[in-house]
Amino acid sequence: MCSRLRVFLDREQEKTLFNLRTADVPQKVKDRAEVIRLSTNGWHVEKIAAHFNWTGTFFALIPIVPLWHQTISRID
């Protein structure tokens, strides 16, 4: 089994992701932002996948966390 990925956000990053919930962006973007927020709160990939009813394809979540982390690193 791979080690668990965990994301840590500062307040500004958390606020940005939270605000995406009501932004005029595709649902896919909103879902991905929520995935990152749930990961920040300690949820594991399997639990996040079940929450979104993505149980058949939860491995699709795995690239989202590191990709987000790389994107944030470039912004900071």
Foldseek 3Di string as FASTA:
>chain_A
DDDFDADADDPVLLVVLVVVCPDPDDVVSNLLSVLNVVSNVPDTLCVSCVVVVNNVPSVVNVVSNVVVVVVVVVVD
